[in-house]
Amino acid sequence: MDTILKSAKLTTVLEAVGLFIVCYIAIKILRKAIDKILDKSKHLDPSLKTFFASAVNVLLWAIAVMIVASALGINITSLVAILSVAGVALSLALQGLLANVFSGITLLASRPIAVGNFVEIGGQSGTVRSIGLFYTCLATPDNKIIYVPNGDITGSKIINYSTEPVRRVDLNVGTSYDCPTETVRSAILEAVANTDKVLNDPAPFVALAAYNASNIEYTVRVWCNTEDYWDVHFALNENIRASFDRHAVEMSYEHLNVHIMKD
């Protein structure tokens, strides 16, 4: 009787070993197929490909363990229940971390930002250095490195200044009420013509925008390539002032005129 029991146990162990070998081979084949599919995808970020590959690997091995455990006569229902409870407890403990992970997956899949883009996120501006599963790295114009949790990015407004090839530079200038409108417009257009990297199409726009308490406000709009935005912005400001000096256009600011009346 003992010999029969030992033989049955040995048979069960051999079957489990055989199943493990089959599962091992199947996992290798499936991993290669999944890796090929991920490598052919041009829309997935490399970090996201690595994450998906690791997640699939863990899932396949979990299934393999359950199959082998069932072959050994282990009650996998209890095992699944224990793993479920442990999973829930772990997810609650790592709630913030998991939120950043899923936010990172969302960023890498939907791609509202990409490495090299100049963006504004929650009032913070910078160039995207890297996008990970937990944090996104920004380099600010004054060369500070900021690591922003991915959960904060997906939960806030994202302004991407680099997605479009051209941008519009908007300036507002105030002049005295004594300056004729045509003189001011001619002076501004001359400044635009003297500014490098300004595009002719769309054409520059100059218009009287408002009659303020102390000045007349003019709106200036020009277009340039996105990478030239700040060069055009600063150069145009300087050229407008120089052009106003040549055309005797008085730049005005907020002030108060006091008239003293005598009897």
Protein backbone atom coordinates (compact mmCIF):
# COMPACT_ATOMS: atom_id res chain seq x y z
CA MET A 1 0.00 0.00 0.00
CA ASP A 2 2.81 2.38 0.93
CA THR A 3 4.52 1.57 -2.35
CA ILE A 4 1.36 2.48 -4.28
CA LEU A 5 1.04 5.77 -2.38
CA LYS A 6 4.68 6.62 -2.96
CA SER A 7 4.30 5.76 -6.63
CA ALA A 8 1.19 7.98 -6.88
CA LYS A 9 3.00 10.85 -5.19
CA LEU A 10 5.99 10.41 -7.49
CA THR A 11 3.68 10.39 -10.49
CA THR A 12 2.03 13.60 -9.27
CA VAL A 13 5.39 15.29 -8.78
CA LEU A 14 6.57 14.19 -12.21
CA GLU A 15 3.36 15.52 -13.76
CA ALA A 16 3.89 18.83 -11.96
CA VAL A 17 7.48 19.00 -13.18
CA GLY A 18 6.32 18.20 -16.69
CA LEU A 19 3.68 20.95 -16.49
CA PHE A 20 6.29 23.39 -15.20
CA ILE A 21 8.57 22.62 -18.16
CA VAL A 22 5.67 23.04 -20.58
CA CYS A 23 4.70 26.35 -18.91
CA TYR A 24 8.30 27.52 -19.03
CA ILE A 25 8.56 26.81 -22.76
CA ALA A 26 5.14 28.40 -23.41
CA ILE A 27 6.13 31.55 -21.48
CA LYS A 28 9.36 31.85 -23.49
CA ILE A 29 7.46 31.56 -26.77
CA LEU A 30 4.77 34.04 -25.70
CA ARG A 31 7.38 36.51 -24.41
CA LYS A 32 9.21 36.47 -27.74
CA ALA A 33 5.96 37.01 -29.64
CA ILE A 34 4.91 39.88 -27.35
CA ASP A 35 8.37 41.49 -27.57
CA LYS A 36 8.17 41.41 -31.38
CA ILE A 37 4.73 43.03 -31.31
CA LEU A 38 5.93 45.75 -28.93
CA ASP A 39 9.10 46.38 -30.97
CA LYS A 40 7.04 46.89 -34.14
CA SER A 41 4.83 49.47 -32.44
CA LYS A 42 6.06 52.99 -33.28
CA HIS A 43 3.58 54.80 -31.03
CA LEU A 44 4.66 53.29 -27.69
CA ASP A 45 7.39 54.88 -25.60
CA PRO A 46 10.35 52.55 -24.74
CA SER A 47 9.54 52.90 -21.02
CA LEU A 48 5.96 51.82 -21.68
CA LYS A 49 7.16 48.84 -23.73
CA THR A 50 9.36 47.72 -20.85
CA PHE A 51 6.49 48.11 -18.38
CA PHE A 52 4.07 46.09 -20.53
CA ALA A 53 6.66 43.35 -21.07
CA SER A 54 7.32 43.08 -17.33
CA ALA A 55 3.61 43.08 -16.48
CA VAL A 56 2.89 40.30 -19.00
CA ASN A 57 5.84 38.29 -17.66
CA VAL A 58 4.52 38.51 -14.08
CA LEU A 59 1.01 37.56 -15.21
CA LEU A 60 2.22 34.52 -17.18
CA TRP A 61 4.31 33.24 -14.29
CA ALA A 62 1.41 33.71 -11.88
CA ILE A 63 -0.76 31.55 -14.15
CA ALA A 64 2.01 28.96 -14.39
CA VAL A 65 2.34 28.77 -10.59
CA MET A 66 -1.41 28.21 -10.24
CA ILE A 67 -1.33 25.42 -12.86
CA VAL A 68 1.57 23.64 -11.15
CA ALA A 69 0.00 24.11 -7.70
CA SER A 70 -3.26 22.61 -8.95
CA ALA A 71 -1.34 19.61 -10.36
CA LEU A 72 0.25 19.08 -6.93
CA GLY A 73 -3.19 19.00 -5.32
CA ILE A 74 -2.93 22.39 -3.67
CA ASN A 75 -6.26 24.20 -3.30
CA ILE A 76 -5.69 27.20 -5.55
CA THR A 77 -9.02 28.75 -4.53
CA SER A 78 -7.57 29.59 -1.14
CA LEU A 79 -4.34 30.72 -2.78
CA VAL A 80 -6.23 33.04 -5.12
CA ALA A 81 -8.22 34.45 -2.18
CA ILE A 82 -5.03 35.09 -0.19
CA LEU A 83 -3.36 36.76 -3.19
CA SER A 84 -6.47 38.89 -3.78
CA VAL A 85 -6.51 40.13 -0.18
CA ALA A 86 -2.77 40.78 -0.30
CA GLY A 87 -3.20 42.64 -3.58
CA VAL A 88 -5.93 44.87 -2.17
CA ALA A 89 -3.87 45.65 0.94
CA LEU A 90 -0.80 46.39 -1.17
CA SER A 91 -2.76 48.64 -3.56
CA LEU A 92 -4.14 50.65 -0.62
CA ALA A 93 -0.68 51.02 0.88
CA LEU A 94 0.79 52.11 -2.45
CA GLN A 95 -2.17 54.15 -3.63
CA GLY A 96 -0.19 57.32 -4.40
CA LEU A 97 2.61 55.36 -6.07
CA LEU A 98 0.18 53.39 -8.22
CA ALA A 99 -1.59 56.61 -9.20
CA ASN A 100 1.72 57.96 -10.49
CA VAL A 101 2.37 54.70 -12.38
CA PHE A 102 -1.00 54.73 -14.15
CA SER A 103 -0.60 58.45 -14.84
CA GLY A 104 2.82 57.69 -16.34
CA ILE A 105 1.25 55.04 -18.56
CA THR A 106 -1.39 57.58 -19.64
CA LEU A 107 1.29 60.15 -20.50
CA LEU A 108 3.40 57.66 -22.43
CA ALA A 109 0.40 56.28 -24.33
CA SER A 110 -1.49 59.51 -25.13
CA ARG A 111 1.70 61.62 -25.51
CA PRO A 112 0.40 65.12 -24.67
CA ILE A 113 4.06 65.94 -24.02
CA ALA A 114 7.31 64.51 -25.36
CA VAL A 115 11.00 64.74 -24.51
CA GLY A 116 12.35 68.08 -25.76
CA ASN A 117 9.01 69.92 -25.55
CA PHE A 118 8.81 73.24 -23.71
CA VAL A 119 5.74 72.97 -21.51
CA GLU A 120 3.88 74.67 -18.68
CA ILE A 121 2.38 72.38 -16.05
CA GLY A 122 0.59 73.79 -13.02
CA GLY A 123 2.31 77.15 -13.44
CA GLN A 124 5.79 75.61 -13.78
CA SER A 125 7.55 76.00 -17.15
CA GLY A 126 10.43 73.92 -18.45
CA THR A 127 11.81 71.60 -21.11
CA VAL A 128 10.88 67.93 -20.75
CA ARG A 129 14.05 65.92 -20.12
CA SER A 130 12.46 62.51 -19.49
CA ILE A 131 9.10 60.85 -18.84
CA GLY A 132 9.20 57.91 -16.45
CA LEU A 133 6.53 55.73 -14.89
CA PHE A 134 6.66 57.71 -11.62
CA TYR A 135 8.07 61.16 -12.39
CA THR A 136 8.54 63.55 -15.30
CA CYS A 137 11.78 65.54 -15.34
CA LEU A 138 11.65 69.23 -16.33
CA ALA A 139 14.63 71.54 -16.91
CA THR A 140 13.68 75.17 -16.20
CA PRO A 141 15.08 78.11 -18.21
CA ASP A 142 17.35 78.99 -15.26
CA ASN A 143 18.76 75.42 -15.33
CA LYS A 144 16.92 73.90 -12.37
CA ILE A 145 15.83 70.25 -12.59
CA ILE A 146 12.32 69.55 -11.31
CA TYR A 147 10.82 66.07 -10.90
CA VAL A 148 7.04 66.34 -11.14
CA PRO A 149 4.88 63.36 -10.01
CA ASN A 150 2.94 62.04 -12.98
CA GLY A 151 -0.29 62.18 -10.98
CA ASP A 152 0.09 65.94 -10.65
CA ILE A 153 0.59 66.29 -14.41
CA THR A 154 -2.49 64.35 -15.49
CA GLY A 155 -4.55 66.20 -12.88
CA SER A 156 -3.59 69.69 -14.07
CA LYS A 157 -3.71 71.78 -17.23
CA ILE A 158 -0.85 71.13 -19.66
CA ILE A 159 0.33 73.86 -22.06
CA ASN A 160 2.68 72.54 -24.74
CA TYR A 161 4.52 75.32 -26.58
CA SER A 162 6.45 72.99 -28.90
CA THR A 163 3.82 70.96 -30.73
CA GLU A 164 3.07 73.59 -33.41
CA PRO A 165 5.79 74.71 -35.86
CA VAL A 166 4.96 78.44 -35.56
CA ARG A 167 3.88 80.74 -32.72
CA ARG A 168 2.45 84.23 -32.49
CA VAL A 169 4.21 86.98 -30.56
CA ASP A 170 1.73 89.41 -28.96
CA LEU A 171 2.83 92.80 -27.65
CA ASN A 172 0.88 95.76 -26.26
CA VAL A 173 2.41 99.25 -26.38
CA GLY A 174 1.04 102.54 -25.05
CA THR A 175 1.57 105.93 -26.69
CA SER A 176 0.56 109.49 -25.96
CA TYR A 177 -2.80 110.83 -27.15
CA ASP A 178 -0.83 113.49 -29.05
CA CYS A 179 0.68 110.93 -31.47
CA PRO A 180 -1.28 110.35 -34.72
CA THR A 181 -2.41 106.77 -35.21
CA GLU A 182 -0.89 106.45 -38.68
CA THR A 183 2.48 107.64 -37.39
CA VAL A 184 2.41 105.07 -34.60
CA ARG A 185 1.35 102.28 -36.98
CA SER A 186 4.10 103.18 -39.46
CA ALA A 187 6.72 103.23 -36.71
CA ILE A 188 5.63 99.79 -35.42
CA LEU A 189 5.59 98.25 -38.90
CA GLU A 190 9.07 99.65 -39.50
CA ALA A 191 10.23 97.98 -36.28
CA VAL A 192 8.65 94.69 -37.42
CA ALA A 193 10.46 94.94 -40.77
CA ASN A 194 13.77 95.46 -38.94
CA THR A 195 13.26 92.38 -36.74
CA ASP A 196 14.88 89.16 -37.97
CA LYS A 197 13.01 85.83 -38.05
CA VAL A 198 9.54 87.41 -38.31
CA LEU A 199 7.39 85.53 -40.84
CA ASN A 200 5.57 87.39 -43.61
CA ASP A 201 2.79 84.80 -43.73
CA PRO A 202 0.63 85.30 -41.72
CA ALA A 203 1.19 89.00 -42.18
CA PRO A 204 2.09 91.22 -39.17
CA PHE A 205 -0.90 92.87 -37.51
CA VAL A 206 -1.03 96.32 -35.84
CA ALA A 207 -4.23 97.89 -34.52
CA LEU A 208 -5.45 100.49 -32.04
CA ALA A 209 -6.75 98.33 -29.16
CA ALA A 210 -8.00 100.66 -26.42
CA TYR A 211 -8.28 104.22 -25.16
CA ASN A 212 -6.86 104.01 -21.66
CA ALA A 213 -6.86 106.69 -18.97
CA SER A 214 -3.26 107.77 -19.67
CA ASN A 215 -2.42 106.40 -23.13
CA ILE A 216 -3.66 104.85 -26.34
CA GLU A 217 -2.92 101.12 -26.43
CA TYR A 218 -1.84 99.39 -29.64
CA THR A 219 -1.75 95.61 -30.20
CA VAL A 220 1.10 94.14 -32.21
CA ARG A 221 0.96 90.54 -33.48
CA VAL A 222 3.64 88.81 -35.52
CA TRP A 223 4.36 85.16 -36.31
CA CYS A 224 7.64 83.28 -36.09
CA ASN A 225 8.99 79.74 -35.90
CA THR A 226 8.44 78.22 -32.47
CA GLU A 227 12.15 77.94 -31.69
CA ASP A 228 12.61 81.66 -32.49
CA TYR A 229 9.83 82.94 -30.20
CA TRP A 230 11.92 84.57 -27.47
CA ASP A 231 14.48 85.99 -29.92
CA VAL A 232 11.68 87.72 -31.84
CA HIS A 233 9.91 88.82 -28.64
CA PHE A 234 12.92 90.62 -27.18
CA ALA A 235 14.22 92.00 -30.49
CA LEU A 236 10.82 93.40 -31.45
CA ASN A 237 10.51 95.19 -28.09
CA GLU A 238 13.87 96.88 -28.63
CA ASN A 239 13.16 97.75 -32.25
CA ILE A 240 9.79 99.34 -31.40
CA ARG A 241 11.43 101.67 -28.91
CA ALA A 242 14.15 102.62 -31.39
CA SER A 243 11.58 103.21 -34.12
CA PHE A 244 9.46 105.38 -31.81
CA ASP A 245 12.54 107.53 -31.10
CA ARG A 246 13.15 108.03 -34.82
CA HIS A 247 9.51 108.95 -35.51
CA ALA A 248 9.14 111.13 -32.35
CA VAL A 249 6.41 108.87 -30.96
CA GLU A 250 6.06 109.42 -27.22
CA MET A 251 5.59 106.26 -25.18
CA SER A 252 3.18 106.91 -22.35
CA TYR A 253 2.57 105.31 -18.98
CA GLU A 254 -0.02 105.59 -16.25
CA HIS A 255 0.00 109.12 -14.88
CA LEU A 256 -2.33 111.76 -13.46
CA ASN A 257 -2.69 115.30 -14.84
CA VAL A 258 -3.56 117.94 -12.24
CA HIS A 259 -5.03 121.28 -13.46
CA ILE A 260 -5.00 124.21 -11.03
CA MET A 261 -7.75 126.67 -11.75
CA LYS A 262 -7.40 130.32 -10.66
CA ASP A 263 -10.26 132.78 -10.19
